Amino acid sequence: MSSQRGLPVVDAVDLARVFKAVADPIRLRLLSLIASPPGGEAGVGDLKTSETVPA
């Protein structure tokens, strides 16, 4: 059994990269649009007509 407590350093570094990739309000809005579309499917048109992405 490991004596280390908490998240291993390697895993923490990997997770920090993931969080950094989405740590932007526009990226988070896009992710939420993709993850929760009405009817269960998202297409390019859903993103294009969104207020999230400037024209």
PDB file of N, CA and C in Angstrom:
ATOM      1  N   MET A   1       0.848  -1.181   0.000  1.00  0.00           N
ATOM      2  CA  MET A   1       0.000   0.000   0.000  1.00  0.00           C
ATOM      3  C   MET A   1       0.894   1.244   0.000  1.00  0.00           C
ATOM      4  N   SER A   2       0.540   2.230  -0.769  1.00  0.00           N
ATOM      5  CA  SER A   2       1.321   3.463  -0.903  1.00  0.00           C
ATOM      6  C   SER A   2       1.147   4.349   0.325  1.00  0.00           C
ATOM      7  N   SER A   3       2.263   4.997   0.730  1.00  0.00           N
ATOM      8  CA  SER A   3       2.180   5.911   1.863  1.00  0.00           C
ATOM      9  C   SER A   3       1.828   7.328   1.408  1.00  0.00           C
ATOM     10  N   GLN A   4       1.780   7.537   0.091  1.00  0.00           N
ATOM     11  CA  GLN A   4       1.460   8.864  -0.453  1.00  0.00           C
ATOM     12  C   GLN A   4      -0.026   9.137  -0.304  1.00  0.00           C
ATOM     13  N   ARG A   5      -0.351  10.354   0.136  1.00  0.00           N
ATOM     14  CA  ARG A   5      -1.752  10.748   0.272  1.00  0.00           C
ATOM     15  C   ARG A   5      -2.087  11.745  -0.809  1.00  0.00           C
ATOM     16  N   GLY A   6      -3.326  11.756  -1.206  1.00  0.00           N
ATOM     17  CA  GLY A   6      -3.767  12.711  -2.214  1.00  0.00           C
ATOM     18  C   GLY A   6      -3.402  12.263  -3.621  1.00  0.00           C
ATOM     19  N   LEU A   7      -3.588  13.177  -4.526  1.00  0.00           N
ATOM     20  CA  LEU A   7      -3.363  12.933  -5.950  1.00  0.00           C
ATOM     21  C   LEU A   7      -1.870  12.840  -6.253  1.00  0.00           C
ATOM     22  N   PRO A   8      -1.439  11.794  -6.950  1.00  0.00           N
ATOM     23  CA  PRO A   8      -0.018  11.711  -7.337  1.00  0.00           C
ATOM     24  C   PRO A   8       0.379  12.901  -8.218  1.00  0.00           C
ATOM     25  N   VAL A   9       1.635  13.293  -8.144  1.00  0.00           N
ATOM     26  CA  VAL A   9       2.125  14.467  -8.869  1.00  0.00           C
ATOM     27  C   VAL A   9       1.862  14.337 -10.368  1.00  0.00           C
ATOM     28  N   VAL A  10       2.124  13.189 -10.939  1.00  0.00           N
ATOM     29  CA  VAL A  10       1.935  12.992 -12.382  1.00  0.00           C
ATOM     30  C   VAL A  10       0.475  13.215 -12.758  1.00  0.00           C
ATOM     31  N   ASP A  11      -0.440  12.678 -11.975  1.00  0.00           N
ATOM     32  CA  ASP A  11      -1.865  12.866 -12.249  1.00  0.00           C
ATOM     33  C   ASP A  11      -2.273  14.328 -12.080  1.00  0.00           C
ATOM     34  N   ALA A  12      -1.708  14.984 -11.076  1.00  0.00           N
ATOM     35  CA  ALA A  12      -2.026  16.399 -10.857  1.00  0.00           C
ATOM     36  C   ALA A  12      -1.583  17.251 -12.034  1.00  0.00           C
ATOM     37  N   VAL A  13      -0.413  16.962 -12.579  1.00  0.00           N
ATOM     38  CA  VAL A  13       0.087  17.716 -13.733  1.00  0.00           C
ATOM     39  C   VAL A  13      -0.819  17.484 -14.936  1.00  0.00           C
ATOM     40  N   ASP A  14      -1.223  16.245 -15.165  1.00  0.00           N
ATOM     41  CA  ASP A  14      -2.118  15.939 -16.288  1.00  0.00           C
ATOM     42  C   ASP A  14      -3.465  16.644 -16.131  1.00  0.00           C
ATOM     43  N   LEU A  15      -4.029  16.616 -14.938  1.00  0.00           N
ATOM     44  CA  LEU A  15      -5.307  17.289 -14.707  1.00  0.00           C
ATOM     45  C   LEU A  15      -5.188  18.805 -14.853  1.00  0.00           C
ATOM     46  N   ALA A  16      -4.074  19.361 -14.431  1.00  0.00           N
ATOM     47  CA  ALA A  16      -3.869  20.803 -14.575  1.00  0.00           C
ATOM     48  C   ALA A  16      -3.881  21.199 -16.042  1.00  0.00           C
ATOM     49  N   ARG A  17      -3.316  20.370 -16.901  1.00  0.00           N
ATOM     50  CA  ARG A  17      -3.347  20.656 -18.346  1.00  0.00           C
ATOM     51  C   ARG A  17      -4.774  20.633 -18.875  1.00  0.00           C
ATOM     52  N   VAL A  18      -5.560  19.681 -18.421  1.00  0.00           N
ATOM     53  CA  VAL A  18      -6.962  19.596 -18.856  1.00  0.00           C
ATOM     54  C   VAL A  18      -7.726  20.833 -18.407  1.00  0.00           C
ATOM     55  N   PHE A  19      -7.584  21.195 -17.147  1.00  0.00           N
ATOM     56  CA  PHE A  19      -8.299  22.364 -16.640  1.00  0.00           C
ATOM     57  C   PHE A  19      -7.845  23.633 -17.338  1.00  0.00           C
ATOM     58  N   LYS A  20      -6.565  23.740 -17.646  1.00  0.00           N
ATOM     59  CA  LYS A  20      -6.058  24.915 -18.345  1.00  0.00           C
ATOM     60  C   LYS A  20      -6.690  25.007 -19.741  1.00  0.00           C
ATOM     61  N   ALA A  21      -6.894  23.874 -20.379  1.00  0.00           N
ATOM     62  CA  ALA A  21      -7.473  23.863 -21.722  1.00  0.00           C
ATOM     63  C   ALA A  21      -8.896  24.389 -21.747  1.00  0.00           C
ATOM     64  N   VAL A  22      -9.636  24.191 -20.663  1.00  0.00           N
ATOM     65  CA  VAL A  22     -11.027  24.654 -20.634  1.00  0.00           C
ATOM     66  C   VAL A  22     -11.223  25.875 -19.741  1.00  0.00           C
ATOM     67  N   ALA A  23     -10.159  26.417 -19.214  1.00  0.00           N
ATOM     68  CA  ALA A  23     -10.253  27.536 -18.270  1.00  0.00           C
ATOM     69  C   ALA A  23     -10.401  28.869 -18.994  1.00  0.00           C
ATOM     70  N   ASP A  24     -11.375  28.933 -19.858  1.00  0.00           N
ATOM     71  CA  ASP A  24     -11.675  30.140 -20.615  1.00  0.00           C
ATOM     72  C   ASP A  24     -13.190  30.199 -20.742  1.00  0.00           C
ATOM     73  N   PRO A  25     -13.812  31.335 -20.482  1.00  0.00           N
ATOM     74  CA  PRO A  25     -15.278  31.387 -20.517  1.00  0.00           C
ATOM     75  C   PRO A  25     -15.885  30.937 -21.839  1.00  0.00           C
ATOM     76  N   ILE A  26     -15.283  31.298 -22.953  1.00  0.00           N
ATOM     77  CA  ILE A  26     -15.841  30.894 -24.252  1.00  0.00           C
ATOM     78  C   ILE A  26     -15.716  29.390 -24.435  1.00  0.00           C
ATOM     79  N   ARG A  27     -14.580  28.833 -24.074  1.00  0.00           N
ATOM     80  CA  ARG A  27     -14.412  27.376 -24.191  1.00  0.00           C
ATOM     81  C   ARG A  27     -15.406  26.639 -23.306  1.00  0.00           C
ATOM     82  N   LEU A  28     -15.613  27.144 -22.098  1.00  0.00           N
ATOM     83  CA  LEU A  28     -16.575  26.502 -21.210  1.00  0.00           C
ATOM     84  C   LEU A  28     -17.998  26.579 -21.763  1.00  0.00           C
ATOM     85  N   ARG A  29     -18.360  27.711 -22.346  1.00  0.00           N
ATOM     86  CA  ARG A  29     -19.698  27.827 -22.952  1.00  0.00           C
ATOM     87  C   ARG A  29     -19.837  26.859 -24.120  1.00  0.00           C
ATOM     88  N   LEU A  30     -18.806  26.772 -24.980  1.00  0.00           N
ATOM     89  CA  LEU A  30     -18.857  25.831 -26.100  1.00  0.00           C
ATOM     90  C   LEU A  30     -18.986  24.400 -25.607  1.00  0.00           C
ATOM     91  N   LEU A  31     -18.213  24.051 -24.586  1.00  0.00           N
ATOM     92  CA  LEU A  31     -18.287  22.707 -24.024  1.00  0.00           C
ATOM     93  C   LEU A  31     -19.685  22.419 -23.491  1.00  0.00           C
ATOM     94  N   SER A  32     -20.298  23.401 -22.827  1.00  0.00           N
ATOM     95  CA  SER A  32     -21.641  23.188 -22.303  1.00  0.00           C
ATOM     96  C   SER A  32     -22.664  23.048 -23.422  1.00  0.00           C
ATOM     97  N   LEU A  33     -22.484  23.790 -24.519  1.00  0.00           N
ATOM     98  CA  LEU A  33     -23.399  23.662 -25.663  1.00  0.00           C
ATOM     99  C   LEU A  33     -23.293  22.282 -26.313  1.00  0.00           C
ATOM    100  N   ILE A  34     -22.076  21.784 -26.405  1.00  0.00           N
ATOM    101  CA  ILE A  34     -21.866  20.469 -27.007  1.00  0.00           C
ATOM    102  C   ILE A  34     -22.389  19.365 -26.087  1.00  0.00           C
ATOM    103  N   ALA A  35     -22.215  19.536 -24.800  1.00  0.00           N
ATOM    104  CA  ALA A  35     -22.573  18.488 -23.842  1.00  0.00           C
ATOM    105  C   ALA A  35     -24.064  18.403 -23.551  1.00  0.00           C
ATOM    106  N   SER A  36     -24.815  19.473 -23.770  1.00  0.00           N
ATOM    107  CA  SER A  36     -26.226  19.448 -23.368  1.00  0.00           C
ATOM    108  C   SER A  36     -27.164  20.054 -24.396  1.00  0.00           C
ATOM    109  N   PRO A  37     -27.118  19.574 -25.641  1.00  0.00           N
ATOM    110  CA  PRO A  37     -28.026  20.125 -26.648  1.00  0.00           C
ATOM    111  C   PRO A  37     -29.445  19.576 -26.487  1.00  0.00           C
ATOM    112  N   PRO A  38     -30.448  20.368 -26.884  1.00  0.00           N
ATOM    113  CA  PRO A  38     -31.814  19.835 -26.881  1.00  0.00           C
ATOM    114  C   PRO A  38     -31.913  18.698 -27.903  1.00  0.00           C
ATOM    115  N   GLY A  39     -32.542  17.624 -27.544  1.00  0.00           N
ATOM    116  CA  GLY A  39     -32.686  16.489 -28.445  1.00  0.00           C
ATOM    117  C   GLY A  39     -31.497  15.549 -28.423  1.00  0.00           C
ATOM    118  N   GLY A  40     -30.445  15.887 -27.674  1.00  0.00           N
ATOM    119  CA  GLY A  40     -29.313  14.988 -27.522  1.00  0.00           C
ATOM    120  C   GLY A  40     -28.245  15.059 -28.599  1.00  0.00           C
ATOM    121  N   GLU A  41     -28.395  15.920 -29.592  1.00  0.00           N
ATOM    122  CA  GLU A  41     -27.382  16.028 -30.642  1.00  0.00           C
ATOM    123  C   GLU A  41     -27.031  17.489 -30.872  1.00  0.00           C
ATOM    124  N   ALA A  42     -25.747  17.739 -31.141  1.00  0.00           N
ATOM    125  CA  ALA A  42     -25.287  19.089 -31.458  1.00  0.00           C
ATOM    126  C   ALA A  42     -24.608  19.069 -32.822  1.00  0.00           C
ATOM    127  N   GLY A  43     -24.843  20.114 -33.584  1.00  0.00           N
ATOM    128  CA  GLY A  43     -24.203  20.247 -34.886  1.00  0.00           C
ATOM    129  C   GLY A  43     -23.510  21.591 -34.987  1.00  0.00           C
ATOM    130  N   VAL A  44     -22.799  21.795 -36.067  1.00  0.00           N
ATOM    131  CA  VAL A  44     -22.085  23.043 -36.276  1.00  0.00           C
ATOM    132  C   VAL A  44     -23.050  24.229 -36.256  1.00  0.00           C
ATOM    133  N   GLY A  45     -24.227  24.055 -36.779  1.00  0.00           N
ATOM    134  CA  GLY A  45     -25.215  25.123 -36.791  1.00  0.00           C
ATOM    135  C   GLY A  45     -25.591  25.597 -35.400  1.00  0.00           C
ATOM    136  N   ASP A  46     -25.599  24.661 -34.442  1.00  0.00           N
ATOM    137  CA  ASP A  46     -25.899  25.036 -33.067  1.00  0.00           C
ATOM    138  C   ASP A  46     -24.831  25.956 -32.506  1.00  0.00           C
ATOM    139  N   LEU A  47     -23.605  25.720 -32.846  1.00  0.00           N
ATOM    140  CA  LEU A  47     -22.505  26.551 -32.366  1.00  0.00           C
ATOM    141  C   LEU A  47     -22.452  27.878 -33.107  1.00  0.00           C
ATOM    142  N   LYS A  48     -22.713  27.823 -34.396  1.00  0.00           N
ATOM    143  CA  LYS A  48     -22.631  29.025 -35.219  1.00  0.00           C
ATOM    144  C   LYS A  48     -23.693  30.054 -34.833  1.00  0.00           C
ATOM    145  N   THR A  49     -24.872  29.592 -34.472  1.00  0.00           N
ATOM    146  CA  THR A  49     -25.956  30.519 -34.131  1.00  0.00           C
ATOM    147  C   THR A  49     -25.921  30.919 -32.652  1.00  0.00           C
ATOM    148  N   SER A  50     -25.004  30.367 -31.914  1.00  0.00           N
ATOM    149  CA  SER A  50     -24.905  30.678 -30.493  1.00  0.00           C
ATOM    150  C   SER A  50     -24.302  32.064 -30.282  1.00  0.00           C
ATOM    151  N   GLU A  51     -24.699  32.689 -29.193  1.00  0.00           N
ATOM    152  CA  GLU A  51     -24.121  33.982 -28.828  1.00  0.00           C
ATOM    153  C   GLU A  51     -22.713  33.826 -28.283  1.00  0.00           C
ATOM    154  N   THR A  52     -22.281  32.594 -28.088  1.00  0.00           N
ATOM    155  CA  THR A  52     -20.966  32.324 -27.523  1.00  0.00           C
ATOM    156  C   THR A  52     -19.835  32.727 -28.466  1.00  0.00           C
ATOM    157  N   VAL A  53     -20.030  32.473 -29.740  1.00  0.00           N
ATOM    158  CA  VAL A  53     -18.965  32.700 -30.717  1.00  0.00           C
ATOM    159  C   VAL A  53     -19.245  33.966 -31.491  1.00  0.00           C
ATOM    160  N   PRO A  54     -18.342  34.951 -31.417  1.00  0.00           N
ATOM    161  CA  PRO A  54     -18.560  36.171 -32.207  1.00  0.00           C
ATOM    162  C   PRO A  54     -18.509  35.891 -33.706  1.00  0.00           C
ATOM    163  N   ALA A  55     -19.294  36.597 -34.468  1.00  0.00           N
ATOM    164  CA  ALA A  55     -19.348  36.377 -35.918  1.00  0.00           C
ATOM    165  C   ALA A  55     -18.113  36.927 -36.599  1.00  0.00           C
TER     166      ALA A  55
END
